[in-house]
Amino acid sequence: LINNAQLKPTDSVLDLGCGKLYLAAVIQYLDKGKY
């Protein structure tokens, strides 16, 4: 996501079909309340 969407900590992310949380590292990277 950093390479292909230029994801920044201030961005908001919607994880459709989040399941058992493959985007855990993304939550750690994002600012509070952005996931």
ModelCIF file with pLDDT and N, C-alpha, C, O atoms, coordinates in Angstrom:
data_MODEL
#
_entry.id   MODEL 
#
_entity.id                         1 
_entity.type                       polymer 
_entity.pdbx_number_of_molecules   1 
#
_entity_poly.entity_id                      1 
_entity_poly.type                           'polypeptide(L)' 
_entity_poly.nstd_linkage                   no 
_entity_poly.nstd_monomer                   no 
_entity_poly.pdbx_seq_one_letter_code       LINNAQLKPTDSVLDLGCGKLYLAAVIQYLDKGKY 
_entity_poly.pdbx_seq_one_letter_code_can   LINNAQLKPTDSVLDLGCGKLYLAAVIQYLDKGKY 
_entity_poly.pdbx_strand_id                 A 
#
loop_
_entity_poly_seq.entity_id 
_entity_poly_seq.num 
_entity_poly_seq.mon_id 
_entity_poly_seq.hetero 
1 1  LEU n 
1 2  ILE n 
1 3  ASN n 
1 4  ASN n 
1 5  ALA n 
1 6  GLN n 
1 7  LEU n 
1 8  LYS n 
1 9  PRO n 
1 10 THR n 
1 11 ASP n 
1 12 SER n 
1 13 VAL n 
1 14 LEU n 
1 15 ASP n 
1 16 LEU n 
1 17 GLY n 
1 18 CYS n 
1 19 GLY n 
1 20 LYS n 
1 21 LEU n 
1 22 TYR n 
1 23 LEU n 
1 24 ALA n 
1 25 ALA n 
1 26 VAL n 
1 27 ILE n 
1 28 GLN n 
1 29 TYR n 
1 30 LEU n 
1 31 ASP n 
1 32 LYS n 
1 33 GLY n 
1 34 LYS n 
1 35 TYR n 
#
_struct_asym.id          A 
_struct_asym.entity_id   1 
#
loop_
_ma_qa_metric.id 
_ma_qa_metric.mode 
_ma_qa_metric.name 
_ma_qa_metric.software_group_id 
_ma_qa_metric.type 
1 global pLDDT . pLDDT 
2 local  pLDDT . pLDDT 
#
_ma_qa_metric_global.metric_id      1 
_ma_qa_metric_global.metric_value   91.94 
_ma_qa_metric_global.model_id       1 
_ma_qa_metric_global.ordinal_id     1 
#
loop_
_ma_qa_metric_local.label_asym_id 
_ma_qa_metric_local.label_comp_id 
_ma_qa_metric_local.label_seq_id 
_ma_qa_metric_local.metric_id 
_ma_qa_metric_local.metric_value 
_ma_qa_metric_local.model_id 
_ma_qa_metric_local.ordinal_id 
A LEU 1  2 91.00 1 1  
A ILE 2  2 93.00 1 2  
A ASN 3  2 89.00 1 3  
A ASN 4  2 86.00 1 4  
A ALA 5  2 89.00 1 5  
A GLN 6  2 92.00 1 6  
A LEU 7  2 95.00 1 7  
A LYS 8  2 96.00 1 8  
A PRO 9  2 97.00 1 9  
A THR 10 2 97.00 1 10 
A ASP 11 2 97.00 1 11 
A SER 12 2 97.00 1 12 
A VAL 13 2 97.00 1 13 
A LEU 14 2 95.00 1 14 
A ASP 15 2 94.00 1 15 
A LEU 16 2 91.00 1 16 
A GLY 17 2 88.00 1 17 
A CYS 18 2 87.00 1 18 
A GLY 19 2 82.00 1 19 
A LYS 20 2 78.00 1 20 
A LEU 21 2 86.00 1 21 
A TYR 22 2 84.00 1 22 
A LEU 23 2 90.00 1 23 
A ALA 24 2 89.00 1 24 
A ALA 25 2 91.00 1 25 
A VAL 26 2 94.00 1 26 
A ILE 27 2 93.00 1 27 
A GLN 28 2 93.00 1 28 
A TYR 29 2 96.00 1 29 
A LEU 30 2 96.00 1 30 
A ASP 31 2 97.00 1 31 
A LYS 32 2 95.00 1 32 
A GLY 33 2 94.00 1 33 
A LYS 34 2 95.00 1 34 
A TYR 35 2 94.00 1 35 
#
loop_
_atom_site.group_PDB 
_atom_site.id 
_atom_site.type_symbol 
_atom_site.label_atom_id 
_atom_site.label_alt_id 
_atom_site.label_comp_id 
_atom_site.label_asym_id 
_atom_site.label_entity_id 
_atom_site.label_seq_id 
_atom_site.pdbx_PDB_ins_code 
_atom_site.Cartn_x 
_atom_site.Cartn_y 
_atom_site.Cartn_z 
_atom_site.occupancy 
_atom_site.B_iso_or_equiv 
_atom_site.pdbx_formal_charge 
_atom_site.auth_seq_id 
_atom_site.auth_comp_id 
_atom_site.auth_asym_id 
_atom_site.auth_atom_id 
_atom_site.pdbx_PDB_model_num 
ATOM 1   N N  . LEU A 1 1  ? 0.821   -1.217  0.000  1.00 91.00 ? 1  LEU A N  1 
ATOM 2   C CA . LEU A 1 1  ? 0.000   0.000   0.000  1.00 91.00 ? 1  LEU A CA 1 
ATOM 3   C C  . LEU A 1 1  ? 0.854   1.265   0.000  1.00 91.00 ? 1  LEU A C  1 
ATOM 4   O O  . LEU A 1 1  ? 0.462   2.275   -0.584 1.00 91.00 ? 1  LEU A O  1 
ATOM 5   N N  . ILE A 1 2  ? 1.995   1.219   0.637  1.00 93.00 ? 2  ILE A N  1 
ATOM 6   C CA . ILE A 1 2  ? 2.895   2.378   0.607  1.00 93.00 ? 2  ILE A CA 1 
ATOM 7   C C  . ILE A 1 2  ? 3.435   2.577   -0.808 1.00 93.00 ? 2  ILE A C  1 
ATOM 8   O O  . ILE A 1 2  ? 3.527   3.704   -1.294 1.00 93.00 ? 2  ILE A O  1 
ATOM 9   N N  . ASN A 1 3  ? 3.791   1.472   -1.463 1.00 89.00 ? 3  ASN A N  1 
ATOM 10  C CA . ASN A 1 3  ? 4.382   1.556   -2.805 1.00 89.00 ? 3  ASN A CA 1 
ATOM 11  C C  . ASN A 1 3  ? 3.363   1.869   -3.883 1.00 89.00 ? 3  ASN A C  1 
ATOM 12  O O  . ASN A 1 3  ? 3.672   2.584   -4.837 1.00 89.00 ? 3  ASN A O  1 
ATOM 13  N N  . ASN A 1 4  ? 2.150   1.345   -3.747 1.00 86.00 ? 4  ASN A N  1 
ATOM 14  C CA . ASN A 1 4  ? 1.170   1.460   -4.819 1.00 86.00 ? 4  ASN A CA 1 
ATOM 15  C C  . ASN A 1 4  ? 0.093   2.515   -4.586 1.00 86.00 ? 4  ASN A C  1 
ATOM 16  O O  . ASN A 1 4  ? -0.533  2.980   -5.538 1.00 86.00 ? 4  ASN A O  1 
ATOM 17  N N  . ALA A 1 5  ? -0.126  2.895   -3.335 1.00 89.00 ? 5  ALA A N  1 
ATOM 18  C CA . ALA A 1 5  ? -1.134  3.923   -3.037 1.00 89.00 ? 5  ALA A CA 1 
ATOM 19  C C  . ALA A 1 5  ? -0.521  5.129   -2.349 1.00 89.00 ? 5  ALA A C  1 
ATOM 20  O O  . ALA A 1 5  ? -1.228  6.064   -1.972 1.00 89.00 ? 5  ALA A O  1 
ATOM 21  N N  . GLN A 1 6  ? 0.817   5.106   -2.182 1.00 92.00 ? 6  GLN A N  1 
ATOM 22  C CA . GLN A 1 6  ? 1.515   6.185   -1.468 1.00 92.00 ? 6  GLN A CA 1 
ATOM 23  C C  . GLN A 1 6  ? 0.845   6.431   -0.109 1.00 92.00 ? 6  GLN A C  1 
ATOM 24  O O  . GLN A 1 6  ? 0.648   7.572   0.309  1.00 92.00 ? 6  GLN A O  1 
ATOM 25  N N  . LEU A 1 7  ? 0.498   5.312   0.574  1.00 95.00 ? 7  LEU A N  1 
ATOM 26  C CA . LEU A 1 7  ? -0.193  5.388   1.854  1.00 95.00 ? 7  LEU A CA 1 
ATOM 27  C C  . LEU A 1 7  ? 0.617   6.183   2.869  1.00 95.00 ? 7  LEU A C  1 
ATOM 28  O O  . LEU A 1 7  ? 1.819   5.972   3.024  1.00 95.00 ? 7  LEU A O  1 
ATOM 29  N N  . LYS A 1 8  ? -0.058  7.097   3.555  1.00 96.00 ? 8  LYS A N  1 
ATOM 30  C CA . LYS A 1 8  ? 0.545   7.917   4.604  1.00 96.00 ? 8  LYS A CA 1 
ATOM 31  C C  . LYS A 1 8  ? -0.166  7.644   5.928  1.00 96.00 ? 8  LYS A C  1 
ATOM 32  O O  . LYS A 1 8  ? -1.312  7.197   5.921  1.00 96.00 ? 8  LYS A O  1 
ATOM 33  N N  . PRO A 1 9  ? 0.479   7.900   7.051  1.00 97.00 ? 9  PRO A N  1 
ATOM 34  C CA . PRO A 1 9  ? -0.168  7.662   8.352  1.00 97.00 ? 9  PRO A CA 1 
ATOM 35  C C  . PRO A 1 9  ? -1.463  8.438   8.536  1.00 97.00 ? 9  PRO A C  1 
ATOM 36  O O  . PRO A 1 9  ? -2.346  8.004   9.277  1.00 97.00 ? 9  PRO A O  1 
ATOM 37  N N  . THR A 1 10 ? -1.586  9.576   7.872  1.00 97.00 ? 10 THR A N  1 
ATOM 38  C CA . THR A 1 10 ? -2.788  10.402  8.016  1.00 97.00 ? 10 THR A CA 1 
ATOM 39  C C  . THR A 1 10 ? -3.945  9.929   7.144  1.00 97.00 ? 10 THR A C  1 
ATOM 40  O O  . THR A 1 10 ? -5.057  10.441  7.274  1.00 97.00 ? 10 THR A O  1 
ATOM 41  N N  . ASP A 1 11 ? -3.708  8.960   6.254  1.00 97.00 ? 11 ASP A N  1 
ATOM 42  C CA . ASP A 1 11 ? -4.755  8.450   5.368  1.00 97.00 ? 11 ASP A CA 1 
ATOM 43  C C  . ASP A 1 11 ? -5.728  7.557   6.130  1.00 97.00 ? 11 ASP A C  1 
ATOM 44  O O  . ASP A 1 11 ? -5.399  7.013   7.184  1.00 97.00 ? 11 ASP A O  1 
ATOM 45  N N  . SER A 1 12 ? -6.930  7.418   5.580  1.00 97.00 ? 12 SER A N  1 
ATOM 46  C CA . SER A 1 12 ? -7.926  6.503   6.126  1.00 97.00 ? 12 SER A CA 1 
ATOM 47  C C  . SER A 1 12 ? -8.009  5.269   5.238  1.00 97.00 ? 12 SER A C  1 
ATOM 48  O O  . SER A 1 12 ? -7.898  5.367   4.016  1.00 97.00 ? 12 SER A O  1 
ATOM 49  N N  . VAL A 1 13 ? -8.206  4.100   5.861  1.00 97.00 ? 13 VAL A N  1 
ATOM 50  C CA . VAL A 1 13 ? -8.242  2.830   5.148  1.00 97.00 ? 13 VAL A CA 1 
ATOM 51  C C  . VAL A 1 13 ? -9.502  2.067   5.519  1.00 97.00 ? 13 VAL A C  1 
ATOM 52  O O  . VAL A 1 13 ? -9.808  1.896   6.700  1.00 97.00 ? 13 VAL A O  1 
ATOM 53  N N  . LEU A 1 14 ? -10.238 1.603   4.500  1.00 95.00 ? 14 LEU A N  1 
ATOM 54  C CA . LEU A 1 14 ? -11.381 0.717   4.693  1.00 95.00 ? 14 LEU A CA 1 
ATOM 55  C C  . LEU A 1 14 ? -10.975 -0.674  4.227  1.00 95.00 ? 14 LEU A C  1 
ATOM 56  O O  . LEU A 1 14 ? -10.597 -0.866  3.072  1.00 95.00 ? 14 LEU A O  1 
ATOM 57  N N  . ASP A 1 15 ? -11.057 -1.639  5.131  1.00 94.00 ? 15 ASP A N  1 
ATOM 58  C CA . ASP A 1 15 ? -10.658 -3.023  4.870  1.00 94.00 ? 15 ASP A CA 1 
ATOM 59  C C  . ASP A 1 15 ? -11.920 -3.863  4.726  1.00 94.00 ? 15 ASP A C  1 
ATOM 60  O O  . ASP A 1 15 ? -12.504 -4.289  5.722  1.00 94.00 ? 15 ASP A O  1 
ATOM 61  N N  . LEU A 1 16 ? -12.346 -4.103  3.470  1.00 91.00 ? 16 LEU A N  1 
ATOM 62  C CA . LEU A 1 16 ? -13.553 -4.887  3.211  1.00 91.00 ? 16 LEU A CA 1 
ATOM 63  C C  . LEU A 1 16 ? -13.203 -6.373  3.260  1.00 91.00 ? 16 LEU A C  1 
ATOM 64  O O  . LEU A 1 16 ? -12.283 -6.827  2.579  1.00 91.00 ? 16 LEU A O  1 
ATOM 65  N N  . GLY A 1 17 ? -13.944 -7.119  4.070  1.00 88.00 ? 17 GLY A N  1 
ATOM 66  C CA . GLY A 1 17 ? -13.595 -8.513  4.264  1.00 88.00 ? 17 GLY A CA 1 
ATOM 67  C C  . GLY A 1 17 ? -12.354 -8.614  5.131  1.00 88.00 ? 17 GLY A C  1 
ATOM 68  O O  . GLY A 1 17 ? -11.429 -9.363  4.815  1.00 88.00 ? 17 GLY A O  1 
ATOM 69  N N  . CYS A 1 18 ? -12.331 -7.860  6.226  1.00 87.00 ? 18 CYS A N  1 
ATOM 70  C CA . CYS A 1 18 ? -11.118 -7.760  7.040  1.00 87.00 ? 18 CYS A CA 1 
ATOM 71  C C  . CYS A 1 18 ? -10.741 -9.092  7.674  1.00 87.00 ? 18 CYS A C  1 
ATOM 72  O O  . CYS A 1 18 ? -9.573  -9.321  7.986  1.00 87.00 ? 18 CYS A O  1 
ATOM 73  N N  . GLY A 1 19 ? -11.724 -9.977  7.870  1.00 82.00 ? 19 GLY A N  1 
ATOM 74  C CA . GLY A 1 19 ? -11.441 -11.313 8.365  1.00 82.00 ? 19 GLY A CA 1 
ATOM 75  C C  . GLY A 1 19 ? -10.606 -11.310 9.636  1.00 82.00 ? 19 GLY A C  1 
ATOM 76  O O  . GLY A 1 19 ? -10.901 -10.596 10.594 1.00 82.00 ? 19 GLY A O  1 
ATOM 77  N N  . LYS A 1 20 ? -9.554  -12.129 9.621  1.00 78.00 ? 20 LYS A N  1 
ATOM 78  C CA . LYS A 1 20 ? -8.708  -12.233 10.812 1.00 78.00 ? 20 LYS A CA 1 
ATOM 79  C C  . LYS A 1 20 ? -7.535  -11.260 10.758 1.00 78.00 ? 20 LYS A C  1 
ATOM 80  O O  . LYS A 1 20 ? -6.490  -11.493 11.365 1.00 78.00 ? 20 LYS A O  1 
ATOM 81  N N  . LEU A 1 21 ? -7.719  -10.190 10.038 1.00 86.00 ? 21 LEU A N  1 
ATOM 82  C CA . LEU A 1 21 ? -6.859  -9.004  10.100 1.00 86.00 ? 21 LEU A CA 1 
ATOM 83  C C  . LEU A 1 21 ? -5.483  -9.176  9.451  1.00 86.00 ? 21 LEU A C  1 
ATOM 84  O O  . LEU A 1 21 ? -4.465  -9.281  10.134 1.00 86.00 ? 21 LEU A O  1 
ATOM 85  N N  . TYR A 1 22 ? -5.479  -9.201  8.127  1.00 84.00 ? 22 TYR A N  1 
ATOM 86  C CA . TYR A 1 22 ? -4.223  -9.214  7.388  1.00 84.00 ? 22 TYR A CA 1 
ATOM 87  C C  . TYR A 1 22 ? -3.559  -7.838  7.388  1.00 84.00 ? 22 TYR A C  1 
ATOM 88  O O  . TYR A 1 22 ? -2.369  -7.720  7.098  1.00 84.00 ? 22 TYR A O  1 
ATOM 89  N N  . LEU A 1 23 ? -4.332  -6.798  7.714  1.00 90.00 ? 23 LEU A N  1 
ATOM 90  C CA . LEU A 1 23 ? -3.780  -5.442  7.672  1.00 90.00 ? 23 LEU A CA 1 
ATOM 91  C C  . LEU A 1 23 ? -3.370  -4.933  9.054  1.00 90.00 ? 23 LEU A C  1 
ATOM 92  O O  . LEU A 1 23 ? -3.407  -3.728  9.303  1.00 90.00 ? 23 LEU A O  1 
ATOM 93  N N  . ALA A 1 24 ? -2.984  -5.827  9.942  1.00 89.00 ? 24 ALA A N  1 
ATOM 94  C CA . ALA A 1 24 ? -2.569  -5.419  11.284 1.00 89.00 ? 24 ALA A CA 1 
ATOM 95  C C  . ALA A 1 24 ? -1.413  -4.427  11.229 1.00 89.00 ? 24 ALA A C  1 
ATOM 96  O O  . ALA A 1 24 ? -1.396  -3.456  11.985 1.00 89.00 ? 24 ALA A O  1 
ATOM 97  N N  . ALA A 1 25 ? -0.445  -4.662  10.342 1.00 91.00 ? 25 ALA A N  1 
ATOM 98  C CA . ALA A 1 25 ? 0.704   -3.754  10.227 1.00 91.00 ? 25 ALA A CA 1 
ATOM 99  C C  . ALA A 1 25 ? 0.265   -2.388  9.716  1.00 91.00 ? 25 ALA A C  1 
ATOM 100 O O  . ALA A 1 25 ? 0.890   -1.375  10.030 1.00 91.00 ? 25 ALA A O  1 
ATOM 101 N N  . VAL A 1 26 ? -0.806  -2.357  8.930  1.00 94.00 ? 26 VAL A N  1 
ATOM 102 C CA . VAL A 1 26 ? -1.334  -1.090  8.424  1.00 94.00 ? 26 VAL A CA 1 
ATOM 103 C C  . VAL A 1 26 ? -1.940  -0.288  9.571  1.00 94.00 ? 26 VAL A C  1 
ATOM 104 O O  . VAL A 1 26 ? -1.767  0.929   9.636  1.00 94.00 ? 26 VAL A O  1 
ATOM 105 N N  . ILE A 1 27 ? -2.650  -0.962  10.475 1.00 93.00 ? 27 ILE A N  1 
ATOM 106 C CA . ILE A 1 27 ? -3.225  -0.274  11.637 1.00 93.00 ? 27 ILE A CA 1 
ATOM 107 C C  . ILE A 1 27 ? -2.116  0.352   12.477 1.00 93.00 ? 27 ILE A C  1 
ATOM 108 O O  . ILE A 1 27 ? -2.248  1.484   12.942 1.00 93.00 ? 27 ILE A O  1 
ATOM 109 N N  . GLN A 1 28 ? -1.032  -0.380  12.669 1.00 93.00 ? 28 GLN A N  1 
ATOM 110 C CA . GLN A 1 28 ? 0.101   0.124   13.442 1.00 93.00 ? 28 GLN A CA 1 
ATOM 111 C C  . GLN A 1 28 ? 0.700   1.364   12.784 1.00 93.00 ? 28 GLN A C  1 
ATOM 112 O O  . GLN A 1 28 ? 1.154   2.282   13.468 1.00 93.00 ? 28 GLN A O  1 
ATOM 113 N N  . TYR A 1 29 ? 0.697   1.385   11.468 1.00 96.00 ? 29 TYR A N  1 
ATOM 114 C CA . TYR A 1 29 ? 1.299   2.474   10.689 1.00 96.00 ? 29 TYR A CA 1 
ATOM 115 C C  . TYR A 1 29 ? 0.420   3.721   10.679 1.00 96.00 ? 29 TYR A C  1 
ATOM 116 O O  . TYR A 1 29 ? 0.925   4.843   10.681 1.00 96.00 ? 29 TYR A O  1 
ATOM 117 N N  . LEU A 1 30 ? -0.906  3.517   10.668 1.00 96.00 ? 30 LEU A N  1 
ATOM 118 C CA . LEU A 1 30 ? -1.836  4.643   10.533 1.00 96.00 ? 30 LEU A CA 1 
ATOM 119 C C  . LEU A 1 30 ? -1.984  5.423   11.832 1.00 96.00 ? 30 LEU A C  1 
ATOM 120 O O  . LEU A 1 30 ? -1.720  4.911   12.920 1.00 96.00 ? 30 LEU A O  1 
ATOM 121 N N  . ASP A 1 31 ? -2.413  6.676   11.691 1.00 97.00 ? 31 ASP A N  1 
ATOM 122 C CA . ASP A 1 31 ? -2.756  7.478   12.861 1.00 97.00 ? 31 ASP A CA 1 
ATOM 123 C C  . ASP A 1 31 ? -4.004  6.911   13.540 1.00 97.00 ? 31 ASP A C  1 
ATOM 124 O O  . ASP A 1 31 ? -4.714  6.081   12.972 1.00 97.00 ? 31 ASP A O  1 
ATOM 125 N N  . LYS A 1 32 ? -4.248  7.364   14.736 1.00 95.00 ? 32 LYS A N  1 
ATOM 126 C CA . LYS A 1 32 ? -5.376  6.917   15.535 1.00 95.00 ? 32 LYS A CA 1 
ATOM 127 C C  . LYS A 1 32 ? -6.705  7.148   14.807 1.00 95.00 ? 32 LYS A C  1 
ATOM 128 O O  . LYS A 1 32 ? -6.955  8.226   14.267 1.00 95.00 ? 32 LYS A O  1 
ATOM 129 N N  . GLY A 1 33 ? -7.549  6.113   14.806 1.00 94.00 ? 33 GLY A N  1 
ATOM 130 C CA . GLY A 1 33 ? -8.894  6.239   14.252 1.00 94.00 ? 33 GLY A CA 1 
ATOM 131 C C  . GLY A 1 33 ? -8.988  6.224   12.746 1.00 94.00 ? 33 GLY A C  1 
ATOM 132 O O  . GLY A 1 33 ? -10.022 6.607   12.198 1.00 94.00 ? 33 GLY A O  1 
ATOM 133 N N  . LYS A 1 34 ? -7.946  5.796   12.055 1.00 95.00 ? 34 LYS A N  1 
ATOM 134 C CA . LYS A 1 34 ? -7.929  5.854   10.588 1.00 95.00 ? 34 LYS A CA 1 
ATOM 135 C C  . LYS A 1 34 ? -8.186  4.500   9.915  1.00 95.00 ? 34 LYS A C  1 
ATOM 136 O O  . LYS A 1 34 ? -8.169  4.409   8.688  1.00 95.00 ? 34 LYS A O  1 
ATOM 137 N N  . TYR A 1 35 ? -8.423  3.453   10.706 1.00 94.00 ? 35 TYR A N  1 
ATOM 138 C CA . TYR A 1 35 ? -8.687  2.133   10.124 1.00 94.00 ? 35 TYR A CA 1 
ATOM 139 C C  . TYR A 1 35 ? -10.131 1.728   10.385 1.00 94.00 ? 35 TYR A C  1 
ATOM 140 O O  . TYR A 1 35 ? -10.552 0.646   9.974  1.00 94.00 ? 35 TYR A O  1 
#
